Amino acid sequence: MLDKTANPTATSPAVRAFQAVGAIHSVESCGTVDGPGIRFVIFTQGCPLRCLYCHNPDCRHIEEGKVVSVDELIEEVQKYRSYMRFSGGGVTVTGGEPLMQPEFVREIFRRCKELDIHTVLDTSGYVQLNAAKPVLDYVDLVLLDIKSYNRALYEKVTKVSLEPTLKFAEYLKEINKPAWIRFVLVPHLTDNRENVEGLAQFVSTLTNVEKVEVLPFHQMGEYKWEQLGYEYELKNTQPPTPEEIEAVMEIFRSYGLPVQ
């Protein structure tokens, strides 16, 4: 990454070349669940969270990623522009945690905007705001994952503090950046009514939020945990029932929030 004292808007060839390389896990050429329309999805490598239900635990360590240039990624992105244009899609950068590599991600988005491609940032919001702000200049929509509203429960689920995410959410409101809030519903973990109501009440104060997505817990990533030698604590946890999902969605609706 660039030295933190560097000017994030610098455009000298040396700085631009340094910004234009980063570590990714993989790409998905025609994603349909990470923002509107058909999207080219870039999974960055590296994440500071250790979520109990993470389905990409192989994204944890940035040094294990594939080093690629922004030029390589944009060349690939342009192959799918017709799909994006027809469907109202674009490019989504997710992870891992994209904001662990802010200069790299900012350059991806800057290049996308030069090509008039819609951009989405999928993030936990666990980041220093000063690092995130230059990235957001080139972001059309933020998918903000808020794992829990109860502080102790959030730390149990993620192993990090909730506060940076709340500050990030408030900043998105301040700059009126369109956002979708994502909440993963895990039975007997995040489904406590007080926890859900606390989150719904907080989100209802964010005037920039376009909708809330309630994502049901699944065990699709369990095999990766086993392959990596990690202990998967939720092996006995079942996905929520349709009735449980609807009950949580209704809590968000009761606060005047559009829910998917």
C-alpha atoms as a PDB file:
ATOM      1  CA  MET A   1       0.000   0.000   0.000  1.00  0.00           C
ATOM      2  CA  LEU A   2       0.956   3.599  -0.297  1.00  0.00           C
ATOM      3  CA  ASP A   3       2.589   5.297   2.619  1.00  0.00           C
ATOM      4  CA  LYS A   4      -0.161   6.890   4.731  1.00  0.00           C
ATOM      5  CA  THR A   5       1.536  10.278   4.385  1.00  0.00           C
ATOM      6  CA  ALA A   6       1.224  10.210   0.607  1.00  0.00           C
ATOM      7  CA  ASN A   7      -1.277  12.441  -1.162  1.00  0.00           C
ATOM      8  CA  PRO A   8      -4.179  10.121  -2.043  1.00  0.00           C
ATOM      9  CA  THR A   9      -4.978  12.228  -5.102  1.00  0.00           C
ATOM     10  CA  ALA A  10      -1.424  12.204  -6.431  1.00  0.00           C
ATOM     11  CA  THR A  11      -1.183  11.384 -10.139  1.00  0.00           C
ATOM     12  CA  SER A  12       2.551  11.087 -10.796  1.00  0.00           C
ATOM     13  CA  PRO A  13       3.481   7.999 -12.891  1.00  0.00           C
ATOM     14  CA  ALA A  14       5.367   6.401  -9.997  1.00  0.00           C
ATOM     15  CA  VAL A  15       2.469   6.782  -7.581  1.00  0.00           C
ATOM     16  CA  ARG A  16      -0.110   5.679 -10.159  1.00  0.00           C
ATOM     17  CA  ALA A  17       1.929   2.564 -10.980  1.00  0.00           C
ATOM     18  CA  PHE A  18       2.176   1.690  -7.296  1.00  0.00           C
ATOM     19  CA  GLN A  19      -1.548   2.121  -6.789  1.00  0.00           C
ATOM     20  CA  ALA A  20      -2.396  -0.022  -9.808  1.00  0.00           C
ATOM     21  CA  VAL A  21      -1.409  -3.390  -8.303  1.00  0.00           C
ATOM     22  CA  GLY A  22      -3.190  -5.307  -5.582  1.00  0.00           C
ATOM     23  CA  ALA A  23      -4.027  -8.743  -4.185  1.00  0.00           C
ATOM     24  CA  ILE A  24      -7.253 -10.490  -5.144  1.00  0.00           C
ATOM     25  CA  HIS A  25      -8.744 -13.872  -4.376  1.00  0.00           C
ATOM     26  CA  SER A  26     -10.801 -14.320  -7.543  1.00  0.00           C
ATOM     27  CA  VAL A  27     -13.325 -12.722  -9.896  1.00  0.00           C
ATOM     28  CA  GLU A  28     -16.865 -13.600 -10.927  1.00  0.00           C
ATOM     29  CA  SER A  29     -17.835 -12.429 -14.388  1.00  0.00           C
ATOM     30  CA  CYS A  30     -21.632 -12.448 -14.137  1.00  0.00           C
ATOM     31  CA  GLY A  31     -22.658 -12.018 -10.497  1.00  0.00           C
ATOM     32  CA  THR A  32     -26.277 -11.253  -9.641  1.00  0.00           C
ATOM     33  CA  VAL A  33     -26.334 -10.926  -5.838  1.00  0.00           C
ATOM     34  CA  ASP A  34     -23.839  -8.126  -5.131  1.00  0.00           C
ATOM     35  CA  GLY A  35     -25.686  -5.046  -6.315  1.00  0.00           C
ATOM     36  CA  PRO A  36     -28.104  -4.216  -9.134  1.00  0.00           C
ATOM     37  CA  GLY A  37     -28.035  -5.993 -12.483  1.00  0.00           C
ATOM     38  CA  ILE A  38     -25.365  -8.324 -13.819  1.00  0.00           C
ATOM     39  CA  ARG A  39     -22.032  -7.480 -12.238  1.00  0.00           C
ATOM     40  CA  PHE A  40     -18.357  -8.214 -12.627  1.00  0.00           C
ATOM     41  CA  VAL A  41     -17.371  -9.051  -9.045  1.00  0.00           C
ATOM     42  CA  ILE A  42     -13.803  -8.691  -7.776  1.00  0.00           C
ATOM     43  CA  PHE A  43     -12.991 -10.515  -4.538  1.00  0.00           C
ATOM     44  CA  THR A  44     -10.041  -8.814  -2.868  1.00  0.00           C
ATOM     45  CA  GLN A  45      -7.700 -10.694  -0.564  1.00  0.00           C
ATOM     46  CA  GLY A  46      -7.300  -9.838   3.111  1.00  0.00           C
ATOM     47  CA  CYS A  47      -9.790  -9.221   5.905  1.00  0.00           C
ATOM     48  CA  PRO A  48      -9.408  -7.975   9.512  1.00  0.00           C
ATOM     49  CA  LEU A  49     -12.668  -9.633  10.626  1.00  0.00           C
ATOM     50  CA  ARG A  50     -12.958 -13.251  11.714  1.00  0.00           C
ATOM     51  CA  CYS A  51     -16.679 -13.816  11.276  1.00  0.00           C
ATOM     52  CA  LEU A  52     -17.982 -17.095  12.695  1.00  0.00           C
ATOM     53  CA  TYR A  53     -20.031 -17.774   9.563  1.00  0.00           C
ATOM     54  CA  CYS A  54     -17.593 -16.452   6.936  1.00  0.00           C
ATOM     55  CA  HIS A  55     -18.009 -18.300   3.644  1.00  0.00           C
ATOM     56  CA  ASN A  56     -14.679 -16.997   2.298  1.00  0.00           C
ATOM     57  CA  PRO A  57     -12.187 -17.820   5.100  1.00  0.00           C
ATOM     58  CA  ASP A  58      -9.568 -18.321   2.395  1.00  0.00           C
ATOM     59  CA  CYS A  59      -9.638 -14.533   1.880  1.00  0.00           C
ATOM     60  CA  ARG A  60      -8.223 -13.756   5.342  1.00  0.00           C
ATOM     61  CA  HIS A  61      -4.541 -13.237   4.626  1.00  0.00           C
ATOM     62  CA  ILE A  62      -3.577 -10.622   2.064  1.00  0.00           C
ATOM     63  CA  GLU A  63      -0.189 -12.224   1.363  1.00  0.00           C
ATOM     64  CA  GLU A  64      -1.964 -15.334   0.038  1.00  0.00           C
ATOM     65  CA  GLY A  65      -3.696 -13.455  -2.763  1.00  0.00           C
ATOM     66  CA  LYS A  66      -2.989 -13.290  -6.468  1.00  0.00           C
ATOM     67  CA  VAL A  67      -1.202 -10.067  -7.412  1.00  0.00           C
ATOM     68  CA  VAL A  68      -2.894  -8.364 -10.358  1.00  0.00           C
ATOM     69  CA  SER A  69      -2.828  -4.952 -11.977  1.00  0.00           C
ATOM     70  CA  VAL A  70      -5.794  -2.666 -12.454  1.00  0.00           C
ATOM     71  CA  ASP A  71      -5.059  -2.767 -16.183  1.00  0.00           C
ATOM     72  CA  GLU A  72      -5.562  -6.551 -16.193  1.00  0.00           C
ATOM     73  CA  LEU A  73      -8.841  -6.264 -14.315  1.00  0.00           C
ATOM     74  CA  ILE A  74     -10.230  -3.461 -16.486  1.00  0.00           C
ATOM     75  CA  GLU A  75      -9.311  -5.372 -19.632  1.00  0.00           C
ATOM     76  CA  GLU A  76     -11.385  -8.290 -18.342  1.00  0.00           C
ATOM     77  CA  VAL A  77     -14.233  -6.052 -17.154  1.00  0.00           C
ATOM     78  CA  GLN A  78     -14.672  -4.540 -20.592  1.00  0.00           C
ATOM     79  CA  LYS A  79     -15.528  -7.943 -22.070  1.00  0.00           C
ATOM     80  CA  TYR A  80     -18.803  -7.833 -20.114  1.00  0.00           C
ATOM     81  CA  ARG A  81     -19.857  -4.215 -20.665  1.00  0.00           C
ATOM     82  CA  SER A  82     -22.809  -5.166 -22.866  1.00  0.00           C
ATOM     83  CA  TYR A  83     -24.226  -7.403 -20.114  1.00  0.00           C
ATOM     84  CA  MET A  84     -23.785  -4.620 -17.570  1.00  0.00           C
ATOM     85  CA  ARG A  85     -25.361  -1.998 -19.802  1.00  0.00           C
ATOM     86  CA  PHE A  86     -28.360  -4.180 -20.712  1.00  0.00           C
ATOM     87  CA  SER A  87     -29.060  -5.214 -17.094  1.00  0.00           C
ATOM     88  CA  GLY A  88     -28.223  -1.987 -15.265  1.00  0.00           C
ATOM     89  CA  GLY A  89     -25.245  -3.712 -13.675  1.00  0.00           C
ATOM     90  CA  GLY A  90     -21.591  -2.823 -13.247  1.00  0.00           C
ATOM     91  CA  VAL A  91     -18.546  -3.694 -11.153  1.00  0.00           C
ATOM     92  CA  THR A  92     -18.618  -4.732  -7.490  1.00  0.00           C
ATOM     93  CA  VAL A  93     -15.496  -4.952  -5.339  1.00  0.00           C
ATOM     94  CA  THR A  94     -15.941  -7.195  -2.318  1.00  0.00           C
ATOM     95  CA  GLY A  95     -13.701  -9.507  -0.324  1.00  0.00           C
ATOM     96  CA  GLY A  96     -12.290 -10.163   2.073  1.00  0.00           C
ATOM     97  CA  GLU A  97     -12.388  -6.493   2.988  1.00  0.00           C
ATOM     98  CA  PRO A  98     -11.708  -4.201   0.002  1.00  0.00           C
ATOM     99  CA  LEU A  99     -10.800  -1.233   2.170  1.00  0.00           C
ATOM    100  CA  MET A 100      -7.682  -3.051   3.367  1.00  0.00           C
ATOM    101  CA  GLN A 101      -6.326  -2.003  -0.049  1.00  0.00           C
ATOM    102  CA  PRO A 102      -7.854   1.459  -0.481  1.00  0.00           C
ATOM    103  CA  GLU A 103      -5.469   2.818  -3.124  1.00  0.00           C
ATOM    104  CA  PHE A 104      -5.867  -0.281  -5.302  1.00  0.00           C
ATOM    105  CA  VAL A 105      -9.655  -0.301  -4.988  1.00  0.00           C
ATOM    106  CA  ARG A 106      -9.895   3.440  -5.585  1.00  0.00           C
ATOM    107  CA  GLU A 107      -7.969   3.033  -8.839  1.00  0.00           C
ATOM    108  CA  ILE A 108     -10.268   0.206  -9.979  1.00  0.00           C
ATOM    109  CA  PHE A 109     -13.309   2.384  -9.370  1.00  0.00           C
ATOM    110  CA  ARG A 110     -11.708   5.475 -10.932  1.00  0.00           C
ATOM    111  CA  ARG A 111     -11.040   3.545 -14.114  1.00  0.00           C
ATOM    112  CA  CYS A 112     -14.581   2.147 -14.097  1.00  0.00           C
ATOM    113  CA  LYS A 113     -16.053   5.631 -13.845  1.00  0.00           C
ATOM    114  CA  GLU A 114     -13.904   6.742 -16.806  1.00  0.00           C
ATOM    115  CA  LEU A 115     -15.745   4.006 -18.736  1.00  0.00           C
ATOM    116  CA  ASP A 116     -19.136   5.039 -17.309  1.00  0.00           C
ATOM    117  CA  ILE A 117     -19.485   1.736 -15.422  1.00  0.00           C
ATOM    118  CA  HIS A 118     -21.620   1.628 -12.264  1.00  0.00           C
ATOM    119  CA  THR A 119     -19.550   0.863  -9.141  1.00  0.00           C
ATOM    120  CA  VAL A 120     -20.437  -0.913  -5.905  1.00  0.00           C
ATOM    121  CA  LEU A 121     -18.300  -1.292  -2.777  1.00  0.00           C
ATOM    122  CA  ASP A 122     -19.197  -4.213  -0.498  1.00  0.00           C
ATOM    123  CA  THR A 123     -17.615  -3.576   2.909  1.00  0.00           C
ATOM    124  CA  SER A 124     -17.833  -4.254   6.632  1.00  0.00           C
ATOM    125  CA  GLY A 125     -17.045  -0.590   7.274  1.00  0.00           C
ATOM    126  CA  TYR A 126     -14.243  -1.651   9.615  1.00  0.00           C
ATOM    127  CA  VAL A 127     -11.783   0.958   8.371  1.00  0.00           C
ATOM    128  CA  GLN A 128     -10.235   4.295   9.210  1.00  0.00           C
ATOM    129  CA  LEU A 129     -12.431   6.928   7.591  1.00  0.00           C
ATOM    130  CA  ASN A 130      -9.506   8.864   6.159  1.00  0.00           C
ATOM    131  CA  ALA A 131      -8.534   5.771   4.168  1.00  0.00           C
ATOM    132  CA  ALA A 132     -12.077   5.189   2.920  1.00  0.00           C
ATOM    133  CA  LYS A 133     -12.994   8.724   1.864  1.00  0.00           C
ATOM    134  CA  PRO A 134     -10.925   8.870  -1.364  1.00  0.00           C
ATOM    135  CA  VAL A 135     -12.371   5.501  -2.420  1.00  0.00           C
ATOM    136  CA  LEU A 136     -15.941   6.677  -1.917  1.00  0.00           C
ATOM    137  CA  ASP A 137     -15.388   9.488  -4.419  1.00  0.00           C
ATOM    138  CA  TYR A 138     -15.722   6.867  -7.171  1.00  0.00           C
ATOM    139  CA  VAL A 139     -18.421   4.653  -5.611  1.00  0.00           C
ATOM    140  CA  ASP A 140     -22.050   4.767  -6.761  1.00  0.00           C
ATOM    141  CA  LEU A 141     -23.468   2.398  -4.121  1.00  0.00           C
ATOM    142  CA  VAL A 142     -22.195   0.912  -0.849  1.00  0.00           C
ATOM    143  CA  LEU A 143     -23.283  -2.491   0.425  1.00  0.00           C
ATOM    144  CA  LEU A 144     -22.610  -2.170   4.144  1.00  0.00           C
ATOM    145  CA  ASP A 145     -22.565  -5.382   6.169  1.00  0.00           C
ATOM    146  CA  ILE A 146     -23.606  -4.796   9.773  1.00  0.00           C
ATOM    147  CA  LYS A 147     -23.316  -8.151  11.504  1.00  0.00           C
ATOM    148  CA  SER A 148     -25.019  -7.137  14.744  1.00  0.00           C
ATOM    149  CA  TYR A 149     -25.990  -4.045  16.708  1.00  0.00           C
ATOM    150  CA  ASN A 150     -25.268  -5.339  20.196  1.00  0.00           C
ATOM    151  CA  ARG A 151     -21.603  -4.470  20.785  1.00  0.00           C
ATOM    152  CA  ALA A 152     -20.699  -7.623  22.688  1.00  0.00           C
ATOM    153  CA  LEU A 153     -22.441  -9.831  20.164  1.00  0.00           C
ATOM    154  CA  TYR A 154     -20.757  -8.038  17.265  1.00  0.00           C
ATOM    155  CA  GLU A 155     -17.353  -8.745  18.804  1.00  0.00           C
ATOM    156  CA  LYS A 156     -18.334 -12.378  19.386  1.00  0.00           C
ATOM    157  CA  VAL A 157     -19.346 -12.742  15.735  1.00  0.00           C
ATOM    158  CA  THR A 158     -16.468 -10.796  14.141  1.00  0.00           C
ATOM    159  CA  LYS A 159     -13.680 -10.523  16.759  1.00  0.00           C
ATOM    160  CA  VAL A 160     -13.507  -6.743  16.162  1.00  0.00           C
ATOM    161  CA  SER A 161     -15.268  -3.622  17.461  1.00  0.00           C
ATOM    162  CA  LEU A 162     -18.538  -2.310  16.028  1.00  0.00           C
ATOM    163  CA  GLU A 163     -17.640   1.367  16.437  1.00  0.00           C
ATOM    164  CA  PRO A 164     -15.718   1.889  13.152  1.00  0.00           C
ATOM    165  CA  THR A 165     -18.653   0.455  11.212  1.00  0.00           C
ATOM    166  CA  LEU A 166     -21.137   2.789  12.898  1.00  0.00           C
ATOM    167  CA  LYS A 167     -18.878   5.780  12.185  1.00  0.00           C
ATOM    168  CA  PHE A 168     -18.585   4.670   8.578  1.00  0.00           C
ATOM    169  CA  ALA A 169     -22.380   4.390   8.316  1.00  0.00           C
ATOM    170  CA  GLU A 170     -22.824   7.872   9.749  1.00  0.00           C
ATOM    171  CA  TYR A 171     -20.320   9.254   7.245  1.00  0.00           C
ATOM    172  CA  LEU A 172     -22.209   7.673   4.356  1.00  0.00           C
ATOM    173  CA  LYS A 173     -25.292   9.475   5.621  1.00  0.00           C
ATOM    174  CA  GLU A 174     -23.345  12.743   5.908  1.00  0.00           C
ATOM    175  CA  ILE A 175     -22.276  12.608   2.252  1.00  0.00           C
ATOM    176  CA  ASN A 176     -25.612  11.127   1.140  1.00  0.00           C
ATOM    177  CA  LYS A 177     -23.958   8.108  -0.445  1.00  0.00           C
ATOM    178  CA  PRO A 178     -26.580   5.515  -1.513  1.00  0.00           C
ATOM    179  CA  ALA A 179     -26.319   2.377   0.635  1.00  0.00           C
ATOM    180  CA  TRP A 180     -27.877  -1.013   1.116  1.00  0.00           C
ATOM    181  CA  ILE A 181     -27.551  -2.489   4.592  1.00  0.00           C
ATOM    182  CA  ARG A 182     -26.895  -6.217   4.809  1.00  0.00           C
ATOM    183  CA  PHE A 183     -27.689  -8.270   7.892  1.00  0.00           C
ATOM    184  CA  VAL A 184     -26.932 -11.986   8.159  1.00  0.00           C
ATOM    185  CA  LEU A 185     -29.607 -13.800  10.143  1.00  0.00           C
ATOM    186  CA  VAL A 186     -28.052 -16.624  12.186  1.00  0.00           C
ATOM    187  CA  PRO A 187     -30.476 -18.603  14.366  1.00  0.00           C
ATOM    188  CA  HIS A 188     -29.599 -18.524  18.066  1.00  0.00           C
ATOM    189  CA  LEU A 189     -26.852 -15.971  17.412  1.00  0.00           C
ATOM    190  CA  THR A 190     -27.879 -12.744  15.652  1.00  0.00           C
ATOM    191  CA  ASP A 191     -31.650 -13.296  15.736  1.00  0.00           C
ATOM    192  CA  ASN A 192     -32.258 -11.876  19.208  1.00  0.00           C
ATOM    193  CA  ARG A 193     -35.200  -9.477  18.884  1.00  0.00           C
ATOM    194  CA  GLU A 194     -33.509  -6.734  20.906  1.00  0.00           C
ATOM    195  CA  ASN A 195     -30.459  -6.973  18.661  1.00  0.00           C
ATOM    196  CA  VAL A 196     -32.515  -6.779  15.468  1.00  0.00           C
ATOM    197  CA  GLU A 197     -34.637  -3.903  16.758  1.00  0.00           C
ATOM    198  CA  GLY A 198     -31.530  -1.987  17.791  1.00  0.00           C
ATOM    199  CA  LEU A 199     -30.115  -2.345  14.304  1.00  0.00           C
ATOM    200  CA  ALA A 200     -33.433  -1.433  12.677  1.00  0.00           C
ATOM    201  CA  GLN A 201     -33.748   1.678  14.799  1.00  0.00           C
ATOM    202  CA  PHE A 202     -30.192   2.769  13.944  1.00  0.00           C
ATOM    203  CA  VAL A 203     -30.633   2.135  10.224  1.00  0.00           C
ATOM    204  CA  SER A 204     -33.915   4.065  10.224  1.00  0.00           C
ATOM    205  CA  THR A 205     -31.915   7.210  11.091  1.00  0.00           C
ATOM    206  CA  LEU A 206     -29.753   6.825   7.963  1.00  0.00           C
ATOM    207  CA  THR A 207     -31.503   8.844   5.271  1.00  0.00           C
ATOM    208  CA  ASN A 208     -29.228   7.506   2.520  1.00  0.00           C
ATOM    209  CA  VAL A 209     -30.246   3.848   2.934  1.00  0.00           C
ATOM    210  CA  GLU A 210     -32.198   2.533  -0.036  1.00  0.00           C
ATOM    211  CA  LYS A 211     -33.020  -0.875   1.408  1.00  0.00           C
ATOM    212  CA  VAL A 212     -32.102  -3.590   3.899  1.00  0.00           C
ATOM    213  CA  GLU A 213     -31.141  -7.094   2.799  1.00  0.00           C
ATOM    214  CA  VAL A 214     -31.739  -9.880   5.298  1.00  0.00           C
ATOM    215  CA  LEU A 215     -29.378 -12.679   4.306  1.00  0.00           C
ATOM    216  CA  PRO A 216     -30.110 -16.135   5.733  1.00  0.00           C
ATOM    217  CA  PHE A 217     -27.180 -17.992   7.284  1.00  0.00           C
ATOM    218  CA  HIS A 218     -25.901 -20.977   5.327  1.00  0.00           C
ATOM    219  CA  GLN A 219     -23.083 -23.502   5.738  1.00  0.00           C
ATOM    220  CA  MET A 220     -21.770 -23.352   2.183  1.00  0.00           C
ATOM    221  CA  GLY A 221     -18.307 -22.299   3.366  1.00  0.00           C
ATOM    222  CA  GLU A 222     -17.887 -24.965   6.046  1.00  0.00           C
ATOM    223  CA  TYR A 223     -15.779 -27.207   3.802  1.00  0.00           C
ATOM    224  CA  LYS A 224     -13.268 -24.355   3.331  1.00  0.00           C
ATOM    225  CA  TRP A 225     -12.847 -24.046   7.096  1.00  0.00           C
ATOM    226  CA  GLU A 226     -12.118 -27.763   7.312  1.00  0.00           C
ATOM    227  CA  GLN A 227      -9.642 -27.635   4.430  1.00  0.00           C
ATOM    228  CA  LEU A 228      -7.816 -24.723   6.070  1.00  0.00           C
ATOM    229  CA  GLY A 229      -7.712 -26.424   9.465  1.00  0.00           C
ATOM    230  CA  TYR A 230      -9.978 -23.822  11.141  1.00  0.00           C
ATOM    231  CA  GLU A 231     -12.569 -24.728  13.761  1.00  0.00           C
ATOM    232  CA  TYR A 232     -16.076 -24.054  12.441  1.00  0.00           C
ATOM    233  CA  GLU A 233     -18.186 -23.256  15.492  1.00  0.00           C
ATOM    234  CA  LEU A 234     -21.544 -23.177  13.694  1.00  0.00           C
ATOM    235  CA  LYS A 235     -21.549 -26.711  12.308  1.00  0.00           C
ATOM    236  CA  ASN A 236     -24.698 -27.530  14.300  1.00  0.00           C
ATOM    237  CA  THR A 237     -26.517 -24.326  13.359  1.00  0.00           C
ATOM    238  CA  GLN A 238     -29.276 -24.707  10.788  1.00  0.00           C
ATOM    239  CA  PRO A 239     -30.353 -22.026   8.289  1.00  0.00           C
ATOM    240  CA  PRO A 240     -33.295 -19.904   9.431  1.00  0.00           C
ATOM    241  CA  THR A 241     -36.774 -21.013   8.427  1.00  0.00           C
ATOM    242  CA  PRO A 242     -38.896 -18.860   6.081  1.00  0.00           C
ATOM    243  CA  GLU A 243     -40.985 -17.899   9.115  1.00  0.00           C
ATOM    244  CA  GLU A 244     -37.909 -16.746  11.037  1.00  0.00           C
ATOM    245  CA  ILE A 245     -36.704 -14.713   8.077  1.00  0.00           C
ATOM    246  CA  GLU A 246     -40.110 -13.078   7.648  1.00  0.00           C
ATOM    247  CA  ALA A 247     -40.297 -12.191  11.358  1.00  0.00           C
ATOM    248  CA  VAL A 248     -36.954 -10.346  11.160  1.00  0.00           C
ATOM    249  CA  MET A 249     -37.935  -8.624   7.930  1.00  0.00           C
ATOM    250  CA  GLU A 250     -41.105  -7.435   9.612  1.00  0.00           C
ATOM    251  CA  ILE A 251     -39.083  -5.811  12.404  1.00  0.00           C
ATOM    252  CA  PHE A 252     -37.171  -3.765   9.821  1.00  0.00           C
ATOM    253  CA  ARG A 253     -40.414  -2.883   8.042  1.00  0.00           C
ATOM    254  CA  SER A 254     -41.902  -1.682  11.312  1.00  0.00           C
ATOM    255  CA  TYR A 255     -39.215   1.028  11.318  1.00  0.00           C
ATOM    256  CA  GLY A 256     -40.245   2.171   7.855  1.00  0.00           C
ATOM    257  CA  LEU A 257     -37.388   0.434   6.049  1.00  0.00           C
ATOM    258  CA  PRO A 258     -37.704  -1.245   2.625  1.00  0.00           C
ATOM    259  CA  VAL A 259     -36.577  -4.855   3.026  1.00  0.00           C
ATOM    260  CA  GLN A 260     -35.496  -7.577   0.648  1.00  0.00           C
END
